[in-house]
N, C-alpha and C. Protein backbone atom coordinates (compact mmCIF):
# COMPACT_ATOMS: atom_id res chain seq x y z
N UNK A 1 0.82 -1.19 0.00
CA UNK A 1 0.00 0.00 0.00
C UNK A 1 0.86 1.26 0.00
N UNK A 2 1.94 1.25 0.76
CA UNK A 2 2.83 2.40 0.78
C UNK A 2 3.37 2.71 -0.60
N UNK A 3 3.67 1.67 -1.36
CA UNK A 3 4.25 1.87 -2.70
C UNK A 3 3.31 2.65 -3.59
N UNK A 4 2.04 2.28 -3.60
CA UNK A 4 1.12 2.91 -4.54
C UNK A 4 0.66 4.29 -4.07
N UNK A 5 0.76 4.60 -2.80
CA UNK A 5 0.28 5.88 -2.31
C UNK A 5 1.41 6.87 -2.06
N UNK A 6 2.61 6.45 -2.22
CA UNK A 6 3.77 7.28 -1.96
C UNK A 6 3.76 8.53 -2.84
N UNK A 7 4.06 9.67 -2.25
CA UNK A 7 4.13 10.91 -3.01
C UNK A 7 5.34 10.88 -3.92
N UNK A 8 5.15 11.31 -5.14
CA UNK A 8 6.22 11.31 -6.12
C UNK A 8 7.00 12.61 -6.04
N UNK A 9 8.29 12.51 -6.24
CA UNK A 9 9.15 13.68 -6.27
C UNK A 9 8.95 14.40 -7.61
N UNK A 10 8.85 15.71 -7.54
CA UNK A 10 8.73 16.52 -8.75
C UNK A 10 10.11 17.07 -9.07
N UNK A 11 10.59 16.72 -10.24
CA UNK A 11 11.94 17.13 -10.65
C UNK A 11 11.92 18.51 -11.30
N UNK A 12 13.07 19.18 -11.34
CA UNK A 12 13.14 20.47 -12.04
C UNK A 12 12.73 20.36 -13.51
N UNK A 13 13.09 19.25 -14.14
CA UNK A 13 12.75 19.05 -15.55
C UNK A 13 11.24 18.99 -15.75
N UNK A 14 10.54 18.35 -14.83
CA UNK A 14 9.08 18.31 -14.91
C UNK A 14 8.50 19.71 -14.71
N UNK A 15 8.98 20.42 -13.68
CA UNK A 15 8.49 21.77 -13.39
C UNK A 15 8.75 22.73 -14.55
N UNK A 16 9.87 22.56 -15.23
CA UNK A 16 10.23 23.46 -16.33
C UNK A 16 9.39 23.25 -17.59
N UNK A 17 8.74 22.10 -17.70
CA UNK A 17 8.06 21.77 -18.95
C UNK A 17 6.56 21.54 -18.83
N UNK A 18 6.06 21.34 -17.62
CA UNK A 18 4.65 20.99 -17.46
C UNK A 18 4.01 21.82 -16.36
N UNK A 19 2.70 22.01 -16.49
CA UNK A 19 1.92 22.69 -15.43
C UNK A 19 1.75 21.71 -14.26
N UNK A 20 1.29 22.23 -13.13
CA UNK A 20 1.10 21.34 -11.98
C UNK A 20 0.01 20.30 -12.27
N UNK A 21 -1.02 20.66 -13.03
CA UNK A 21 -2.05 19.68 -13.41
C UNK A 21 -1.43 18.59 -14.30
N UNK A 22 -0.60 18.97 -15.23
CA UNK A 22 0.04 17.99 -16.11
C UNK A 22 1.00 17.10 -15.32
N UNK A 23 1.71 17.68 -14.37
CA UNK A 23 2.62 16.87 -13.54
C UNK A 23 1.82 15.83 -12.75
N UNK A 24 0.67 16.23 -12.22
CA UNK A 24 -0.18 15.26 -11.50
C UNK A 24 -0.62 14.14 -12.44
N UNK A 25 -0.96 14.49 -13.68
CA UNK A 25 -1.33 13.47 -14.67
C UNK A 25 -0.15 12.55 -14.99
N UNK A 26 1.02 13.12 -15.14
CA UNK A 26 2.22 12.32 -15.44
C UNK A 26 2.52 11.37 -14.28
N UNK A 27 2.27 11.83 -13.07
CA UNK A 27 2.47 10.95 -11.92
C UNK A 27 1.45 9.81 -11.91
N UNK A 28 0.23 10.07 -12.38
CA UNK A 28 -0.78 9.00 -12.53
C UNK A 28 -0.29 7.96 -13.53
N UNK A 29 0.27 8.44 -14.64
CA UNK A 29 0.79 7.54 -15.67
C UNK A 29 1.89 6.66 -15.08
N UNK A 30 2.81 7.29 -14.36
CA UNK A 30 3.93 6.56 -13.78
C UNK A 30 3.43 5.56 -12.72
N UNK A 31 2.50 5.99 -11.89
CA UNK A 31 1.95 5.11 -10.85
C UNK A 31 1.25 3.91 -11.48
N UNK A 32 0.45 4.16 -12.52
CA UNK A 32 -0.24 3.07 -13.22
C UNK A 32 0.77 2.04 -13.73
N UNK A 33 1.80 2.52 -14.41
CA UNK A 33 2.81 1.62 -14.97
C UNK A 33 3.52 0.84 -13.87
N UNK A 34 3.96 1.53 -12.84
CA UNK A 34 4.68 0.86 -11.74
C UNK A 34 3.80 -0.17 -11.04
N UNK A 35 2.54 0.16 -10.85
CA UNK A 35 1.64 -0.79 -10.18
C UNK A 35 1.41 -2.04 -11.02
N UNK A 36 1.45 -1.94 -12.33
CA UNK A 36 1.29 -3.11 -13.19
C UNK A 36 2.58 -3.92 -13.27
N UNK A 37 3.69 -3.25 -13.39
CA UNK A 37 4.99 -3.93 -13.52
C UNK A 37 5.39 -4.59 -12.21
N UNK A 38 5.11 -3.93 -11.12
CA UNK A 38 5.52 -4.43 -9.80
C UNK A 38 4.38 -5.12 -9.07
N UNK A 39 3.52 -5.76 -9.79
CA UNK A 39 2.33 -6.37 -9.20
C UNK A 39 2.68 -7.48 -8.20
N UNK A 40 3.74 -8.24 -8.47
CA UNK A 40 4.12 -9.33 -7.56
C UNK A 40 4.87 -8.82 -6.34
N UNK A 41 5.53 -7.69 -6.49
CA UNK A 41 6.38 -7.18 -5.41
C UNK A 41 6.23 -5.67 -5.37
N UNK A 42 5.84 -5.15 -4.25
CA UNK A 42 5.65 -3.71 -4.11
C UNK A 42 6.94 -3.02 -3.66
N UNK A 43 8.06 -3.57 -4.05
CA UNK A 43 9.33 -2.93 -3.70
C UNK A 43 9.59 -1.79 -4.66
N UNK A 44 10.80 -1.26 -4.63
CA UNK A 44 11.10 -0.13 -5.50
C UNK A 44 11.06 -0.53 -6.97
N UNK A 45 10.88 0.46 -7.81
CA UNK A 45 10.70 0.25 -9.25
C UNK A 45 11.86 -0.53 -9.87
N UNK A 46 13.08 -0.18 -9.52
CA UNK A 46 14.25 -0.86 -10.09
C UNK A 46 14.25 -2.35 -9.81
N UNK A 47 13.83 -2.74 -8.62
CA UNK A 47 13.80 -4.16 -8.26
C UNK A 47 12.77 -4.93 -9.09
N UNK A 48 11.76 -4.24 -9.58
CA UNK A 48 10.73 -4.89 -10.42
C UNK A 48 11.12 -4.85 -11.89
N UNK A 49 11.63 -3.70 -12.33
CA UNK A 49 11.88 -3.51 -13.75
C UNK A 49 13.18 -4.14 -14.23
N UNK A 50 14.23 -3.99 -13.46
CA UNK A 50 15.55 -4.48 -13.90
C UNK A 50 15.57 -5.97 -14.22
N UNK A 51 14.93 -6.83 -13.40
CA UNK A 51 14.91 -8.26 -13.75
C UNK A 51 14.17 -8.56 -15.06
N UNK A 52 13.31 -7.64 -15.52
CA UNK A 52 12.59 -7.84 -16.78
C UNK A 52 13.48 -7.57 -18.00
N UNK A 53 14.54 -6.82 -17.81
CA UNK A 53 15.36 -6.39 -18.95
C UNK A 53 15.86 -7.54 -19.82
N UNK A 54 16.43 -8.59 -19.26
CA UNK A 54 16.88 -9.69 -20.14
C UNK A 54 15.75 -10.27 -20.99
N UNK A 55 14.54 -10.40 -20.40
CA UNK A 55 13.40 -10.90 -21.17
C UNK A 55 12.99 -9.92 -22.24
N UNK A 56 13.04 -8.63 -21.93
CA UNK A 56 12.69 -7.61 -22.93
C UNK A 56 13.67 -7.65 -24.10
N UNK A 57 14.91 -7.94 -23.82
CA UNK A 57 15.92 -8.04 -24.87
C UNK A 57 15.70 -9.33 -25.68
N UNK A 58 15.43 -10.41 -24.97
CA UNK A 58 15.30 -11.72 -25.60
C UNK A 58 13.98 -11.91 -26.36
N UNK A 59 12.86 -11.49 -25.75
CA UNK A 59 11.56 -11.79 -26.34
C UNK A 59 10.80 -10.56 -26.82
N UNK A 60 11.43 -9.41 -26.81
CA UNK A 60 10.72 -8.20 -27.21
C UNK A 60 9.83 -7.71 -26.08
N UNK A 61 8.70 -7.20 -26.41
CA UNK A 61 7.83 -6.53 -25.44
C UNK A 61 6.87 -7.45 -24.70
N UNK A 62 6.96 -8.75 -24.90
CA UNK A 62 6.03 -9.70 -24.28
C UNK A 62 5.89 -9.52 -22.76
N UNK A 63 6.98 -9.34 -22.01
CA UNK A 63 6.80 -9.16 -20.56
C UNK A 63 5.93 -7.96 -20.20
N UNK A 64 5.97 -6.92 -21.02
CA UNK A 64 5.12 -5.75 -20.79
C UNK A 64 3.69 -6.07 -21.20
N UNK A 65 3.53 -6.67 -22.37
CA UNK A 65 2.19 -7.00 -22.86
C UNK A 65 1.44 -7.89 -21.87
N UNK A 66 2.17 -8.81 -21.22
CA UNK A 66 1.55 -9.73 -20.27
C UNK A 66 1.06 -9.02 -19.01
N UNK A 67 1.71 -7.93 -18.63
CA UNK A 67 1.39 -7.28 -17.36
C UNK A 67 0.42 -6.11 -17.46
N UNK A 68 0.25 -5.56 -18.66
CA UNK A 68 -0.58 -4.37 -18.78
C UNK A 68 -1.84 -4.66 -19.58
N UNK A 69 -2.96 -4.57 -18.90
CA UNK A 69 -4.26 -4.77 -19.52
C UNK A 69 -4.62 -3.51 -20.29
N UNK A 70 -4.91 -3.66 -21.56
CA UNK A 70 -5.16 -2.49 -22.40
C UNK A 70 -6.44 -1.74 -22.01
N UNK A 71 -7.47 -2.45 -21.59
CA UNK A 71 -8.70 -1.77 -21.16
C UNK A 71 -8.44 -0.89 -19.94
N UNK A 72 -7.59 -1.36 -19.03
CA UNK A 72 -7.20 -0.54 -17.88
C UNK A 72 -6.38 0.66 -18.34
N UNK A 73 -5.56 0.46 -19.35
CA UNK A 73 -4.77 1.56 -19.89
C UNK A 73 -5.69 2.62 -20.52
N UNK A 74 -6.72 2.19 -21.19
CA UNK A 74 -7.69 3.14 -21.76
C UNK A 74 -8.37 3.94 -20.65
N UNK A 75 -8.65 3.29 -19.52
CA UNK A 75 -9.23 4.00 -18.37
C UNK A 75 -8.24 5.03 -17.82
N UNK A 76 -6.97 4.68 -17.83
CA UNK A 76 -5.93 5.63 -17.41
C UNK A 76 -6.01 6.88 -18.28
N UNK A 77 -6.09 6.71 -19.58
CA UNK A 77 -6.18 7.85 -20.49
C UNK A 77 -7.36 8.76 -20.13
N UNK A 78 -8.49 8.14 -19.77
CA UNK A 78 -9.67 8.92 -19.42
C UNK A 78 -9.48 9.71 -18.14
N UNK A 79 -8.56 9.24 -17.28
CA UNK A 79 -8.35 9.88 -15.98
C UNK A 79 -7.38 11.06 -16.05
N UNK A 80 -6.72 11.24 -17.17
CA UNK A 80 -5.80 12.38 -17.32
C UNK A 80 -6.43 13.41 -18.26
N UNK A 81 -5.99 14.63 -18.14
CA UNK A 81 -6.57 15.67 -18.98
C UNK A 81 -6.17 15.48 -20.44
N UNK A 82 -7.05 15.92 -21.31
CA UNK A 82 -6.77 15.86 -22.75
C UNK A 82 -5.53 16.69 -23.07
N UNK A 83 -5.36 17.77 -22.36
CA UNK A 83 -4.21 18.65 -22.55
C UNK A 83 -2.90 17.88 -22.30
N UNK A 84 -2.84 17.12 -21.21
CA UNK A 84 -1.64 16.34 -20.91
C UNK A 84 -1.43 15.28 -21.99
N UNK A 85 -2.48 14.55 -22.30
CA UNK A 85 -2.40 13.51 -23.33
C UNK A 85 -1.83 14.08 -24.62
N UNK A 86 -2.33 15.24 -25.03
CA UNK A 86 -1.94 15.84 -26.30
C UNK A 86 -0.52 16.42 -26.30
N UNK A 87 0.08 16.58 -25.15
CA UNK A 87 1.49 17.02 -25.08
C UNK A 87 2.45 15.84 -25.27
N UNK A 88 1.95 14.64 -25.12
CA UNK A 88 2.77 13.43 -25.25
C UNK A 88 2.48 12.71 -26.57
N UNK A 89 1.18 12.51 -26.81
CA UNK A 89 0.76 11.65 -27.91
C UNK A 89 -0.13 12.37 -28.91
N UNK A 90 -0.22 11.77 -30.06
CA UNK A 90 -1.18 12.14 -31.09
C UNK A 90 -1.58 10.85 -31.78
N UNK A 91 -2.56 10.92 -32.64
CA UNK A 91 -2.92 9.75 -33.43
C UNK A 91 -2.43 9.96 -34.85
N UNK A 92 -1.88 8.94 -35.42
CA UNK A 92 -1.39 9.03 -36.79
C UNK A 92 -1.93 7.84 -37.59
N UNK A 93 -1.89 7.99 -38.88
CA UNK A 93 -2.32 6.90 -39.76
C UNK A 93 -1.18 5.91 -39.92
N UNK A 94 -1.52 4.66 -39.77
CA UNK A 94 -0.55 3.59 -39.91
C UNK A 94 -1.09 2.63 -40.96
N UNK A 95 -0.20 2.08 -41.72
CA UNK A 95 -0.59 1.16 -42.79
C UNK A 95 -0.08 -0.23 -42.49
N UNK A 96 -0.98 -1.20 -42.55
CA UNK A 96 -0.62 -2.61 -42.44
C UNK A 96 -0.44 -3.11 -43.87
N UNK A 97 0.81 -3.31 -44.26
CA UNK A 97 1.11 -3.70 -45.63
C UNK A 97 0.61 -5.11 -45.95
N UNK A 98 0.60 -5.99 -44.97
CA UNK A 98 0.15 -7.36 -45.18
C UNK A 98 -1.35 -7.39 -45.47
N UNK A 99 -2.12 -6.68 -44.66
CA UNK A 99 -3.57 -6.65 -44.83
C UNK A 99 -4.03 -5.55 -45.78
N UNK A 100 -3.11 -4.69 -46.18
CA UNK A 100 -3.41 -3.55 -47.04
C UNK A 100 -4.54 -2.70 -46.47
N UNK A 101 -4.40 -2.38 -45.16
CA UNK A 101 -5.39 -1.54 -44.49
C UNK A 101 -4.68 -0.37 -43.82
N UNK A 102 -5.46 0.65 -43.57
CA UNK A 102 -4.95 1.82 -42.89
C UNK A 102 -5.75 2.01 -41.61
N UNK A 103 -5.09 2.39 -40.53
CA UNK A 103 -5.77 2.58 -39.26
C UNK A 103 -5.03 3.65 -38.45
N UNK A 104 -5.67 4.12 -37.40
CA UNK A 104 -5.04 5.10 -36.52
C UNK A 104 -4.29 4.37 -35.43
N UNK A 105 -3.11 4.89 -35.12
CA UNK A 105 -2.36 4.35 -33.99
C UNK A 105 -1.79 5.51 -33.18
N UNK A 106 -1.40 5.20 -31.97
CA UNK A 106 -0.83 6.20 -31.07
C UNK A 106 0.60 6.50 -31.49
N UNK A 107 0.91 7.76 -31.63
CA UNK A 107 2.26 8.19 -32.02
C UNK A 107 2.73 9.30 -31.09
N UNK A 108 3.99 9.62 -31.19
CA UNK A 108 4.56 10.71 -30.39
C UNK A 108 4.03 12.05 -30.89
N UNK A 109 3.83 12.96 -29.99
CA UNK A 109 3.40 14.31 -30.36
C UNK A 109 4.43 14.96 -31.28
N UNK A 110 5.69 14.65 -31.05
CA UNK A 110 6.73 15.18 -31.92
C UNK A 110 7.44 16.38 -31.32
N UNK A 111 8.14 17.09 -32.15
CA UNK A 111 9.00 18.19 -31.72
C UNK A 111 8.23 19.32 -31.05
N UNK A 112 6.95 19.48 -31.38
CA UNK A 112 6.21 20.60 -30.82
C UNK A 112 5.48 20.27 -29.51
N UNK A 113 5.69 19.08 -28.98
CA UNK A 113 5.06 18.71 -27.72
C UNK A 113 5.96 18.99 -26.53
N UNK A 114 5.34 19.26 -25.40
CA UNK A 114 6.11 19.51 -24.18
C UNK A 114 6.93 18.28 -23.79
N UNK A 115 6.41 17.10 -24.10
CA UNK A 115 7.13 15.88 -23.72
C UNK A 115 8.48 15.81 -24.43
N UNK A 116 8.54 16.20 -25.68
CA UNK A 116 9.82 16.21 -26.41
C UNK A 116 10.80 17.19 -25.77
N UNK A 117 10.29 18.36 -25.40
CA UNK A 117 11.14 19.35 -24.73
C UNK A 117 11.66 18.80 -23.41
N UNK A 118 10.78 18.13 -22.69
CA UNK A 118 11.16 17.49 -21.42
C UNK A 118 12.26 16.45 -21.64
N UNK A 119 12.08 15.59 -22.66
CA UNK A 119 13.10 14.58 -22.95
C UNK A 119 14.46 15.22 -23.26
N UNK A 120 14.44 16.28 -24.04
CA UNK A 120 15.69 16.96 -24.37
C UNK A 120 16.35 17.56 -23.13
N UNK A 121 15.53 18.08 -22.22
CA UNK A 121 16.10 18.62 -20.99
C UNK A 121 16.69 17.51 -20.12
N UNK A 122 16.00 16.41 -19.98
CA UNK A 122 16.54 15.26 -19.23
C UNK A 122 17.81 14.77 -19.93
N UNK A 123 17.80 14.82 -21.27
CA UNK A 123 18.95 14.38 -22.07
C UNK A 123 20.21 15.21 -21.85
N UNK A 124 20.09 16.39 -21.28
CA UNK A 124 21.28 17.20 -20.97
C UNK A 124 22.15 16.52 -19.91
N UNK A 125 21.52 15.68 -19.09
CA UNK A 125 22.23 14.96 -18.03
C UNK A 125 22.49 13.50 -18.36
N UNK A 126 21.87 13.01 -19.44
CA UNK A 126 21.99 11.59 -19.79
C UNK A 126 22.05 11.46 -21.30
N UNK A 127 23.22 11.11 -21.81
CA UNK A 127 23.41 11.05 -23.27
C UNK A 127 22.52 10.00 -23.93
N UNK A 128 22.14 8.97 -23.20
CA UNK A 128 21.28 7.94 -23.76
C UNK A 128 19.85 8.45 -23.93
N UNK A 129 19.39 9.25 -22.97
CA UNK A 129 18.06 9.86 -23.10
C UNK A 129 18.10 10.91 -24.20
N UNK A 130 19.18 11.62 -24.32
CA UNK A 130 19.33 12.61 -25.40
C UNK A 130 19.20 11.91 -26.76
N UNK A 131 19.89 10.80 -26.91
CA UNK A 131 19.84 10.04 -28.16
C UNK A 131 18.42 9.52 -28.41
N UNK A 132 17.79 9.03 -27.37
CA UNK A 132 16.40 8.54 -27.46
C UNK A 132 15.48 9.68 -27.89
N UNK A 133 15.63 10.85 -27.26
CA UNK A 133 14.81 12.01 -27.59
C UNK A 133 15.00 12.43 -29.04
N UNK A 134 16.23 12.46 -29.49
CA UNK A 134 16.52 12.85 -30.87
C UNK A 134 15.89 11.88 -31.86
N UNK A 135 15.94 10.59 -31.55
CA UNK A 135 15.31 9.58 -32.42
C UNK A 135 13.79 9.76 -32.44
N UNK A 136 13.19 10.01 -31.28
CA UNK A 136 11.76 10.19 -31.20
C UNK A 136 11.33 11.42 -32.00
N UNK A 137 12.05 12.51 -31.86
CA UNK A 137 11.71 13.74 -32.57
C UNK A 137 11.91 13.57 -34.07
N UNK A 138 13.01 12.95 -34.46
CA UNK A 138 13.30 12.79 -35.89
C UNK A 138 12.30 11.87 -36.58
N UNK A 139 11.90 10.80 -35.91
CA UNK A 139 10.99 9.83 -36.54
C UNK A 139 9.53 10.20 -36.33
N UNK A 140 9.26 10.97 -35.29
CA UNK A 140 7.88 11.30 -34.97
C UNK A 140 7.15 10.18 -34.25
N UNK A 141 7.90 9.19 -33.79
CA UNK A 141 7.25 8.08 -33.11
C UNK A 141 8.18 7.46 -32.08
N UNK A 142 7.58 6.72 -31.17
CA UNK A 142 8.35 5.98 -30.18
C UNK A 142 8.99 4.81 -30.89
N UNK A 143 10.23 4.61 -30.66
CA UNK A 143 11.04 3.63 -31.37
C UNK A 143 10.71 2.22 -30.85
N UNK A 144 10.07 1.39 -31.68
CA UNK A 144 9.59 0.09 -31.21
C UNK A 144 10.59 -1.07 -31.35
N UNK A 145 11.77 -0.83 -31.85
CA UNK A 145 12.65 -1.97 -32.13
C UNK A 145 13.52 -2.40 -30.95
N UNK A 146 13.26 -1.87 -29.78
CA UNK A 146 14.02 -2.32 -28.61
C UNK A 146 15.20 -1.44 -28.27
N UNK A 147 15.32 -0.29 -28.88
CA UNK A 147 16.46 0.59 -28.62
C UNK A 147 16.56 0.98 -27.15
N UNK A 148 15.45 1.44 -26.57
CA UNK A 148 15.49 1.92 -25.18
C UNK A 148 15.89 0.82 -24.22
N UNK A 149 15.22 -0.34 -24.29
CA UNK A 149 15.58 -1.40 -23.34
C UNK A 149 17.00 -1.90 -23.56
N UNK A 150 17.47 -1.89 -24.78
CA UNK A 150 18.84 -2.28 -25.07
C UNK A 150 19.83 -1.30 -24.44
N UNK A 151 19.54 -0.01 -24.57
CA UNK A 151 20.40 1.01 -23.97
C UNK A 151 20.41 0.88 -22.44
N UNK A 152 19.25 0.64 -21.86
CA UNK A 152 19.18 0.48 -20.41
C UNK A 152 19.94 -0.77 -19.98
N UNK A 153 19.74 -1.86 -20.68
CA UNK A 153 20.37 -3.13 -20.33
C UNK A 153 21.90 -3.05 -20.40
N UNK A 154 22.42 -2.43 -21.45
CA UNK A 154 23.88 -2.39 -21.62
C UNK A 154 24.54 -1.23 -20.89
N UNK A 155 23.74 -0.30 -20.38
CA UNK A 155 24.30 0.88 -19.68
C UNK A 155 23.56 1.13 -18.37
N UNK A 156 23.36 0.09 -17.59
CA UNK A 156 22.55 0.18 -16.37
C UNK A 156 23.00 1.28 -15.43
N UNK A 157 24.28 1.53 -15.36
CA UNK A 157 24.78 2.56 -14.45
C UNK A 157 24.33 3.96 -14.85
N UNK A 158 23.90 4.14 -16.08
CA UNK A 158 23.44 5.44 -16.57
C UNK A 158 21.94 5.66 -16.36
N UNK A 159 21.26 4.64 -15.86
CA UNK A 159 19.82 4.72 -15.66
C UNK A 159 19.49 4.46 -14.19
N UNK A 160 19.30 5.52 -13.45
CA UNK A 160 18.96 5.43 -12.04
C UNK A 160 17.45 5.20 -11.93
N UNK A 161 17.05 4.00 -11.57
CA UNK A 161 15.63 3.65 -11.52
C UNK A 161 14.89 4.36 -10.38
N UNK A 162 15.62 5.04 -9.50
CA UNK A 162 14.97 5.83 -8.45
C UNK A 162 14.65 7.24 -8.94
N UNK A 163 15.20 7.61 -10.06
CA UNK A 163 14.98 8.94 -10.64
C UNK A 163 13.58 8.98 -11.28
N UNK A 164 12.70 9.87 -10.80
CA UNK A 164 11.35 9.96 -11.38
C UNK A 164 11.38 10.25 -12.88
N UNK A 165 12.38 10.96 -13.37
CA UNK A 165 12.46 11.21 -14.82
C UNK A 165 12.65 9.91 -15.59
N UNK A 166 13.54 9.07 -15.12
CA UNK A 166 13.80 7.78 -15.78
C UNK A 166 12.55 6.91 -15.70
N UNK A 167 11.91 6.88 -14.54
CA UNK A 167 10.69 6.09 -14.38
C UNK A 167 9.60 6.55 -15.34
N UNK A 168 9.42 7.86 -15.47
CA UNK A 168 8.38 8.39 -16.35
C UNK A 168 8.67 8.08 -17.81
N UNK A 169 9.91 8.25 -18.22
CA UNK A 169 10.28 7.97 -19.61
C UNK A 169 10.04 6.50 -19.94
N UNK A 170 10.44 5.62 -19.03
CA UNK A 170 10.21 4.19 -19.23
C UNK A 170 8.71 3.91 -19.29
N UNK A 171 7.94 4.48 -18.38
CA UNK A 171 6.50 4.25 -18.34
C UNK A 171 5.82 4.69 -19.63
N UNK A 172 6.10 5.89 -20.08
CA UNK A 172 5.46 6.40 -21.29
C UNK A 172 5.88 5.59 -22.51
N UNK A 173 7.15 5.23 -22.58
CA UNK A 173 7.62 4.44 -23.72
C UNK A 173 6.88 3.10 -23.80
N UNK A 174 6.88 2.36 -22.72
CA UNK A 174 6.30 1.02 -22.76
C UNK A 174 4.77 1.04 -22.83
N UNK A 175 4.14 2.03 -22.23
CA UNK A 175 2.69 2.14 -22.39
C UNK A 175 2.33 2.46 -23.84
N UNK A 176 3.14 3.26 -24.49
CA UNK A 176 2.89 3.57 -25.90
C UNK A 176 3.02 2.32 -26.76
N UNK A 177 4.06 1.56 -26.54
CA UNK A 177 4.26 0.33 -27.33
C UNK A 177 3.11 -0.64 -27.05
N UNK A 178 2.69 -0.73 -25.80
CA UNK A 178 1.56 -1.59 -25.46
C UNK A 178 0.30 -1.15 -26.21
N UNK A 179 0.07 0.15 -26.26
CA UNK A 179 -1.09 0.69 -26.99
C UNK A 179 -0.98 0.36 -28.47
N UNK A 180 0.17 0.60 -29.05
CA UNK A 180 0.36 0.35 -30.48
C UNK A 180 0.14 -1.12 -30.83
N UNK A 181 0.50 -2.00 -29.93
CA UNK A 181 0.34 -3.42 -30.17
C UNK A 181 -1.12 -3.89 -29.99
N UNK A 182 -1.79 -3.33 -29.01
CA UNK A 182 -3.10 -3.87 -28.62
C UNK A 182 -4.30 -3.10 -29.16
N UNK A 183 -4.10 -1.89 -29.61
CA UNK A 183 -5.24 -1.10 -30.13
C UNK A 183 -5.74 -1.72 -31.43
N UNK A 184 -7.05 -1.80 -31.60
CA UNK A 184 -7.58 -2.32 -32.86
C UNK A 184 -8.57 -1.35 -33.47
């Protein structure tokens, strides 16, 4: 119970890029993700997430897909303001070449969103987050090929799992991939 009700630390990077209402929404997003990932153990985030890294590298996103119910994720979206949602995500047209169909999927807001600015600011202290931010901005989407988890796995000392910025970036990244995989 302490884990899920614990007050989150607000970082300077969050304060510099988001309103207090948006920060509260971002904390809801982070709490939702942590509560799903750490369902078996209510210990700190790193103790839950770090053991998943080898599986994420080996099997792709399956460990995330298994733990996050998409209907619950949709409820999370309803609980945050549209303004916050729109600073992180947008909907874009995606084409399934096999089925020759077009559909909407969740994509990154891009260079003009506050989330991109936030990533770049966090990236000033972490070259791996800077690289991640640049890829996200350049492509306009969250990179689904495993780049983030690979960077975390091979550079663990550069990712402090107690840092709310790192937790939020991980949460938004994996929730986005979960949405992209499960939305129909």
